[in-house]
Amino acid sequence: MADIRSTYINERQVQCFIDRHELERVVREHALRQAGYDPEAKNLTVKVKFEDQTEGSPSYKVGTKVRVEIVEALLADKE
């Protein structure tokens, strides 16, 4: 007979994996709201770029940061 041991802990652990495209969408929407733009506006061009965050000399990677560039076409129709 198999030796089965179970441990019960009063917690539930959940892991969520978000792919790059979904993460870009979330960051884009958040940046637009923080900058005071409507995420549904059609006169905006948004570029999202993930970059390595480095420190030291010689530099070494310590994390990731994101750069969001928002360009508003002022003469375009906002709808």
C-alpha atoms as a PDB file:
ATOM      1  CA  MET A   1       0.000   0.000   0.000  1.00  0.00           C
ATOM      2  CA  ALA A   2       1.235   3.528  -0.853  1.00  0.00           C
ATOM      3  CA  ASP A   3       2.444   5.889   1.855  1.00  0.00           C
ATOM      4  CA  ILE A   4       0.312   8.991   1.373  1.00  0.00           C
ATOM      5  CA  ARG A   5       0.875  12.110   3.451  1.00  0.00           C
ATOM      6  CA  SER A   6      -1.180  15.223   3.122  1.00  0.00           C
ATOM      7  CA  THR A   7      -0.709  18.576   4.744  1.00  0.00           C
ATOM      8  CA  TYR A   8      -3.611  20.972   4.977  1.00  0.00           C
ATOM      9  CA  ILE A   9      -2.970  24.686   5.352  1.00  0.00           C
ATOM     10  CA  ASN A  10      -5.663  27.306   5.765  1.00  0.00           C
ATOM     11  CA  GLU A  11      -4.752  29.176   2.619  1.00  0.00           C
ATOM     12  CA  ARG A  12      -5.146  28.969  -1.126  1.00  0.00           C
ATOM     13  CA  GLN A  13      -2.362  29.936  -3.483  1.00  0.00           C
ATOM     14  CA  VAL A  14      -3.126  31.137  -6.992  1.00  0.00           C
ATOM     15  CA  GLN A  15      -0.625  31.879  -9.722  1.00  0.00           C
ATOM     16  CA  CYS A  16      -1.575  34.063 -12.670  1.00  0.00           C
ATOM     17  CA  PHE A  17       0.505  34.184 -15.815  1.00  0.00           C
ATOM     18  CA  ILE A  18      -0.100  37.193 -18.061  1.00  0.00           C
ATOM     19  CA  ASP A  19       1.320  37.092 -21.576  1.00  0.00           C
ATOM     20  CA  ARG A  20       3.090  40.070 -23.114  1.00  0.00           C
ATOM     21  CA  HIS A  21       0.123  41.202 -25.213  1.00  0.00           C
ATOM     22  CA  GLU A  22      -2.293  41.305 -22.274  1.00  0.00           C
ATOM     23  CA  LEU A  23       0.333  43.041 -20.131  1.00  0.00           C
ATOM     24  CA  GLU A  24       0.856  45.665 -22.847  1.00  0.00           C
ATOM     25  CA  ARG A  25      -2.914  46.270 -22.999  1.00  0.00           C
ATOM     26  CA  VAL A  26      -3.155  46.728 -19.226  1.00  0.00           C
ATOM     27  CA  VAL A  27      -0.135  49.067 -19.103  1.00  0.00           C
ATOM     28  CA  ARG A  28      -1.439  51.066 -22.100  1.00  0.00           C
ATOM     29  CA  GLU A  29      -4.852  51.581 -20.505  1.00  0.00           C
ATOM     30  CA  HIS A  30      -3.352  52.518 -17.133  1.00  0.00           C
ATOM     31  CA  ALA A  31      -0.904  55.019 -18.662  1.00  0.00           C
ATOM     32  CA  LEU A  32      -3.665  56.673 -20.706  1.00  0.00           C
ATOM     33  CA  ARG A  33      -5.888  57.060 -17.648  1.00  0.00           C
ATOM     34  CA  GLN A  34      -2.997  58.434 -15.567  1.00  0.00           C
ATOM     35  CA  ALA A  35      -2.244  60.984 -18.311  1.00  0.00           C
ATOM     36  CA  GLY A  36      -5.899  62.048 -18.456  1.00  0.00           C
ATOM     37  CA  TYR A  37      -6.829  60.459 -21.800  1.00  0.00           C
ATOM     38  CA  ASP A  38      -9.820  58.317 -22.700  1.00  0.00           C
ATOM     39  CA  PRO A  39      -8.458  54.854 -23.636  1.00  0.00           C
ATOM     40  CA  GLU A  40     -11.146  54.598 -26.325  1.00  0.00           C
ATOM     41  CA  ALA A  41     -10.064  57.815 -28.119  1.00  0.00           C
ATOM     42  CA  LYS A  42      -9.192  57.287 -31.786  1.00  0.00           C
ATOM     43  CA  ASN A  43      -6.778  60.238 -32.120  1.00  0.00           C
ATOM     44  CA  LEU A  44      -4.062  58.618 -29.977  1.00  0.00           C
ATOM     45  CA  THR A  45      -1.049  56.577 -30.982  1.00  0.00           C
ATOM     46  CA  VAL A  46       0.453  54.619 -28.108  1.00  0.00           C
ATOM     47  CA  LYS A  47       3.713  52.645 -28.079  1.00  0.00           C
ATOM     48  CA  VAL A  48       4.506  50.333 -25.174  1.00  0.00           C
ATOM     49  CA  LYS A  49       8.092  49.123 -24.839  1.00  0.00           C
ATOM     50  CA  PHE A  50       9.542  46.887 -22.130  1.00  0.00           C
ATOM     51  CA  GLU A  51      13.160  47.691 -21.260  1.00  0.00           C
ATOM     52  CA  ASP A  52      15.771  46.147 -19.002  1.00  0.00           C
ATOM     53  CA  GLN A  53      16.452  48.110 -15.841  1.00  0.00           C
ATOM     54  CA  THR A  54      20.162  48.044 -15.046  1.00  0.00           C
ATOM     55  CA  GLU A  55      22.533  49.150 -12.293  1.00  0.00           C
ATOM     56  CA  GLY A  56      26.230  49.161 -11.587  1.00  0.00           C
ATOM     57  CA  SER A  57      29.378  49.195 -13.623  1.00  0.00           C
ATOM     58  CA  PRO A  58      29.565  47.004 -15.555  1.00  0.00           C
ATOM     59  CA  SER A  59      25.802  47.217 -15.791  1.00  0.00           C
ATOM     60  CA  TYR A  60      23.681  44.234 -14.861  1.00  0.00           C
ATOM     61  CA  LYS A  61      19.963  43.659 -15.139  1.00  0.00           C
ATOM     62  CA  VAL A  62      17.995  44.218 -11.924  1.00  0.00           C
ATOM     63  CA  GLY A  63      14.466  44.234 -13.356  1.00  0.00           C
ATOM     64  CA  THR A  64      12.219  45.416 -16.137  1.00  0.00           C
ATOM     65  CA  LYS A  65      10.606  48.784 -16.711  1.00  0.00           C
ATOM     66  CA  VAL A  66       8.113  49.914 -19.298  1.00  0.00           C
ATOM     67  CA  ARG A  67       8.140  53.040 -21.447  1.00  0.00           C
ATOM     68  CA  VAL A  68       4.819  54.317 -22.782  1.00  0.00           C
ATOM     69  CA  GLU A  69       4.825  56.954 -25.525  1.00  0.00           C
ATOM     70  CA  ILE A  70       1.521  58.707 -26.208  1.00  0.00           C
ATOM     71  CA  VAL A  71       1.055  60.854 -29.293  1.00  0.00           C
ATOM     72  CA  GLU A  72      -2.184  62.838 -29.608  1.00  0.00           C
ATOM     73  CA  ALA A  73      -3.228  63.978 -33.087  1.00  0.00           C
ATOM     74  CA  LEU A  74      -4.636  67.402 -32.205  1.00  0.00           C
ATOM     75  CA  LEU A  75      -6.356  68.012 -35.556  1.00  0.00           C
ATOM     76  CA  ALA A  76      -7.937  64.553 -35.796  1.00  0.00           C
ATOM     77  CA  ASP A  77     -11.502  63.741 -34.788  1.00  0.00           C
ATOM     78  CA  LYS A  78     -11.519  62.330 -31.237  1.00  0.00           C
ATOM     79  CA  GLU A  79     -14.294  59.885 -32.054  1.00  0.00           C
END
